Amino acid sequence: MAWRAAQDIADGMVVNLGIGIPVLASDHLPAGRDVFFQSENGVIGVGPAAAPDGIEPDLVDAGSRKVTLRPGGSIIDSAWSFAMIRGGHIDVTILGAFEVAANGDLANWDARVPDKGPLVGGAMDLAVGAKATWVIMEHTTRDGRPRLLEACTLPLTAVRCVQRVYTDLAVIDVTADGFIARELLAGMSLEALRARTGAAITPAPGCRPLVAPALGHGG
C-alpha cells in the first residue's frame, strides 16, 4: 500500500505522511523524484531514517522515529508548522483511517475501542488544510467488516476531504459519483471487491490490475 501511494507522489510536492503505514511511503519514492516530506512537529525536508551510528536524539518525526534532514531541509516550531498546514502549503497528506465514506468523509481518530483512548494528533488540520488528502488503510476490519462505507459510523475527522484511497485490494478514487476503482489487486474480481465494500463502487474506464513489486523484509 505504501509503495503504491508513493508512485503517485509527483516531483516537487510537499507531502505530509501520517503515523503508521503512511510514513513508509517515503521509502518507496521513485528514484530521482524530488519531494519535501513535512512532519507536523516542525521538520520540513524529512530525510531517511537515521542509521544506528548517526542518530540525533532531537531530530525525530511526528511518530518519534529517528530521522535525518535532507539537503535544503529546515526545522521550525509547531506554530509555524501548523500555519503551513492550515495555510494550504501542503500539496498532499497521506493518512491512515478507520473508515472513509463515499462522499469523502474521513474517520481516523476514534475507533471506539474499549480501554483505548482516541488520538487525533494533527489529522483534523491536515485533512482540511492540505490540497489533497489520500488514505492508506486495509479494505476491511479484522472481522471482515467494510471500511469503505456509504456513511461513516465513527466520529468524523473531517468532511468531504478524501480524494483517493489505497487499500490492500484496490486503488480507489472518491468522486462526486462515489467510489471509482482505478486498480484492482491482481486476481481480485470487481464482484469480490464489491462484496467487501459497504457502498457502491464502479470501475474506472481502463481499470487495470494492481501489481506491486517484490519488496524486501520490512518493505
Protein backbone atom coordinates (compact mmCIF):
# COMPACT_ATOMS: atom_id res chain seq x y z
CA MET A 1 0.00 0.00 0.00
CA ALA A 2 2.80 2.42 0.91
CA TRP A 3 4.67 1.54 -2.29
CA ARG A 4 1.60 2.17 -4.45
CA ALA A 5 0.84 5.52 -2.81
CA ALA A 6 4.44 6.62 -3.31
CA GLN A 7 4.16 6.13 -7.07
CA ASP A 8 1.54 8.90 -7.23
CA ILE A 9 3.64 11.49 -5.37
CA ALA A 10 4.73 13.98 -8.02
CA ASP A 11 8.09 15.67 -8.36
CA GLY A 12 8.32 18.89 -6.36
CA MET A 13 5.49 18.12 -3.95
CA VAL A 14 5.45 18.98 -0.24
CA VAL A 15 3.98 15.89 1.42
CA ASN A 16 2.88 15.08 4.97
CA LEU A 17 2.83 11.40 5.97
CA GLY A 18 0.65 10.11 8.81
CA ILE A 19 1.82 7.79 11.55
CA GLY A 20 1.87 4.08 10.74
CA ILE A 21 1.93 2.65 7.23
CA PRO A 22 1.77 6.09 5.54
CA VAL A 23 5.28 7.05 6.75
CA LEU A 24 6.64 4.06 4.82
CA ALA A 25 5.71 5.76 1.54
CA SER A 26 8.90 7.81 1.77
CA ASP A 27 10.92 4.58 1.49
CA HIS A 28 9.38 3.78 -1.90
CA LEU A 29 9.58 7.09 -3.74
CA PRO A 30 10.69 6.51 -7.34
CA ALA A 31 14.37 7.27 -7.91
CA GLY A 32 15.12 10.83 -8.94
CA ARG A 33 11.83 12.28 -7.69
CA ASP A 34 12.50 15.41 -5.62
CA VAL A 35 9.99 15.67 -2.76
CA PHE A 36 9.94 17.51 0.56
CA PHE A 37 8.37 15.45 3.34
CA GLN A 38 6.93 17.62 6.11
CA SER A 39 6.44 16.38 9.66
CA GLU A 40 3.87 18.25 11.72
CA ASN A 41 6.19 18.57 14.72
CA GLY A 42 8.26 21.03 12.67
CA VAL A 43 10.52 19.28 10.16
CA ILE A 44 10.41 20.39 6.52
CA GLY A 45 12.53 18.02 4.49
CA VAL A 46 12.49 14.78 6.45
CA GLY A 47 15.25 12.54 5.16
CA PRO A 48 15.74 8.78 5.51
CA ALA A 49 15.62 7.09 8.91
CA ALA A 50 18.85 7.65 10.82
CA ALA A 51 21.45 4.89 10.87
CA PRO A 52 22.21 3.49 14.35
CA ASP A 53 25.52 5.36 14.46
CA GLY A 54 24.02 8.60 13.14
CA ILE A 55 21.07 9.18 15.47
CA GLU A 56 20.47 12.75 16.57
CA PRO A 57 18.15 12.42 19.63
CA ASP A 58 16.46 15.77 18.97
CA LEU A 59 15.69 15.05 15.31
CA VAL A 60 12.51 12.96 15.21
CA ASP A 61 9.35 12.96 13.15
CA ALA A 62 5.78 13.14 14.45
CA GLY A 63 5.83 9.40 15.14
CA SER A 64 9.07 9.70 17.18
CA ARG A 65 11.13 7.94 14.52
CA LYS A 66 14.79 8.97 14.50
CA VAL A 67 15.19 10.64 11.12
CA THR A 68 17.63 12.74 9.12
CA LEU A 69 17.29 16.08 7.36
CA ARG A 70 17.56 16.18 3.58
CA PRO A 71 19.61 18.88 1.81
CA GLY A 72 17.63 22.10 1.91
CA GLY A 73 15.56 20.94 4.87
CA SER A 74 14.73 23.11 7.85
CA ILE A 75 13.43 22.98 11.40
CA ILE A 76 10.56 25.19 12.55
CA ASP A 77 8.41 25.34 15.67
CA SER A 78 4.93 23.83 15.95
CA ALA A 79 3.17 27.16 15.46
CA TRP A 80 4.87 27.70 12.11
CA SER A 81 4.34 24.06 11.16
CA PHE A 82 0.59 24.28 11.68
CA ALA A 83 0.47 27.68 10.00
CA MET A 84 1.99 25.91 6.99
CA ILE A 85 -0.64 23.15 7.20
CA ARG A 86 -3.61 25.45 7.79
CA GLY A 87 -2.37 27.90 5.18
CA GLY A 88 -2.70 25.36 2.38
CA HIS A 89 1.02 24.85 1.74
CA ILE A 90 0.92 21.02 1.90
CA ASP A 91 0.30 19.51 -1.53
CA VAL A 92 -0.88 16.15 -0.20
CA THR A 93 -1.27 14.45 3.15
CA ILE A 94 -1.38 10.65 3.31
CA LEU A 95 -3.23 9.46 6.40
CA GLY A 96 -4.38 6.21 7.93
CA ALA A 97 -8.10 5.75 8.54
CA PHE A 98 -10.71 3.60 10.24
CA GLU A 99 -13.45 4.49 7.74
CA VAL A 100 -13.97 6.54 4.57
CA ALA A 101 -17.41 7.43 3.23
CA ALA A 102 -18.49 7.56 -0.41
CA ASN A 103 -18.68 11.35 -0.21
CA GLY A 104 -15.10 11.64 1.11
CA ASP A 105 -15.84 11.93 4.83
CA LEU A 106 -12.91 10.67 6.94
CA ALA A 107 -12.96 8.93 10.33
CA ASN A 108 -9.48 8.24 11.70
CA TRP A 109 -9.23 9.45 15.29
CA ASP A 110 -11.60 7.39 17.44
CA ALA A 111 -12.31 3.71 16.77
CA ARG A 112 -14.39 3.46 19.96
CA VAL A 113 -12.30 0.54 21.17
CA PRO A 114 -12.79 -0.18 24.90
CA ASP A 115 -9.82 0.85 27.07
CA LYS A 116 -8.12 2.64 24.14
CA GLY A 117 -8.50 6.39 24.07
CA PRO A 118 -8.92 8.43 20.88
CA LEU A 119 -5.90 10.04 19.24
CA VAL A 120 -6.41 12.86 16.77
CA GLY A 121 -2.95 14.44 16.54
CA GLY A 122 -2.87 16.90 13.64
CA ALA A 123 -5.20 14.91 11.38
CA MET A 124 -8.10 17.37 11.55
CA ASP A 125 -5.85 20.24 10.44
CA LEU A 126 -4.18 18.15 7.75
CA ALA A 127 -7.40 16.73 6.31
CA VAL A 128 -8.83 20.18 5.67
CA GLY A 129 -5.61 22.16 5.18
CA ALA A 130 -3.78 20.03 2.62
CA LYS A 131 -4.56 20.49 -1.05
CA ALA A 132 -5.27 16.76 -1.32
CA THR A 133 -5.94 14.03 1.24
CA TRP A 134 -5.11 10.42 0.42
CA VAL A 135 -5.77 7.47 2.72
CA ILE A 136 -3.92 4.20 3.23
CA MET A 137 -5.92 1.51 5.05
CA GLU A 138 -6.93 -2.13 4.90
CA HIS A 139 -10.10 -2.64 2.91
CA THR A 140 -11.90 -4.43 5.76
CA THR A 141 -11.61 -4.78 9.53
CA ARG A 142 -10.06 -7.87 11.10
CA ASP A 143 -13.51 -9.43 11.38
CA GLY A 144 -14.34 -8.70 7.75
CA ARG A 145 -16.50 -5.58 8.04
CA PRO A 146 -16.03 -2.98 5.29
CA ARG A 147 -14.17 0.26 5.97
CA LEU A 148 -15.39 1.94 2.79
CA LEU A 149 -18.97 2.89 3.57
CA GLU A 150 -21.94 4.86 2.33
CA ALA A 151 -21.64 6.91 5.55
CA CYS A 152 -19.07 6.70 8.35
CA THR A 153 -20.24 5.20 11.63
CA LEU A 154 -17.33 6.54 13.70
CA PRO A 155 -16.69 10.16 14.77
CA LEU A 156 -15.54 12.22 11.80
CA THR A 157 -12.12 13.78 11.42
CA ALA A 158 -13.24 15.96 8.52
CA VAL A 159 -15.99 16.02 5.91
CA ARG A 160 -15.66 15.55 2.15
CA CYS A 161 -11.86 15.67 2.27
CA VAL A 162 -10.61 12.35 0.87
CA GLN A 163 -9.76 12.14 -2.84
CA ARG A 164 -8.01 8.77 -3.05
CA VAL A 165 -7.80 5.55 -1.03
CA TYR A 166 -5.12 2.87 -1.24
CA THR A 167 -6.19 -0.43 0.30
CA ASP A 168 -4.73 -3.93 0.28
CA LEU A 169 -7.23 -4.74 -2.52
CA ALA A 170 -7.53 -1.67 -4.72
CA VAL A 171 -6.75 1.93 -5.60
CA ILE A 172 -9.98 3.90 -5.36
CA ASP A 173 -10.85 7.49 -6.21
CA VAL A 174 -13.55 9.31 -4.24
CA THR A 175 -15.61 11.34 -6.70
CA ALA A 176 -18.90 13.19 -6.91
CA ASP A 177 -20.29 9.89 -8.20
CA GLY A 178 -18.94 7.87 -5.28
CA PHE A 179 -16.16 5.27 -5.21
CA ILE A 180 -14.38 4.59 -8.51
CA ALA A 181 -11.93 1.67 -8.66
CA ARG A 182 -8.82 2.57 -10.67
CA GLU A 183 -6.82 -0.59 -9.99
CA LEU A 184 -7.68 -3.97 -8.50
CA LEU A 185 -5.21 -6.33 -6.87
CA ALA A 186 -4.16 -8.94 -9.43
CA GLY A 187 -6.66 -11.81 -9.21
CA MET A 188 -9.34 -9.71 -7.49
CA SER A 189 -12.64 -9.51 -9.34
CA LEU A 190 -14.92 -6.49 -9.23
CA GLU A 191 -17.63 -8.69 -7.70
CA ALA A 192 -15.30 -9.77 -4.89
CA LEU A 193 -14.34 -6.15 -4.25
CA ARG A 194 -17.98 -5.08 -4.12
CA ALA A 195 -18.70 -7.82 -1.59
CA ARG A 196 -16.08 -6.26 0.70
CA THR A 197 -17.23 -2.66 0.22
CA GLY A 198 -20.07 -1.04 2.14
CA ALA A 199 -21.10 1.32 -0.66
CA ALA A 200 -21.50 1.25 -4.42
CA ILE A 201 -18.20 1.04 -6.29
CA THR A 202 -17.77 1.21 -10.05
CA PRO A 203 -14.73 0.56 -12.23
CA ALA A 204 -12.95 3.43 -13.93
CA PRO A 205 -12.55 3.28 -17.71
CA GLY A 206 -9.35 1.33 -18.21
CA CYS A 207 -9.38 -0.11 -14.67
CA ARG A 208 -6.27 -2.31 -14.54
CA PRO A 209 -4.61 -4.88 -12.27
CA LEU A 210 -2.58 -3.61 -9.32
CA VAL A 211 0.75 -5.41 -9.34
CA ALA A 212 3.31 -4.47 -6.69
CA PRO A 213 6.98 -5.39 -6.95
CA ALA A 214 8.55 -7.91 -4.62
CA LEU A 215 9.68 -5.90 -1.60
CA GLY A 216 12.38 -6.85 0.85
CA HIS A 217 11.75 -7.66 4.52
CA GLY A 218 10.09 -4.72 6.25
CA GLY A 219 9.13 -3.11 2.92
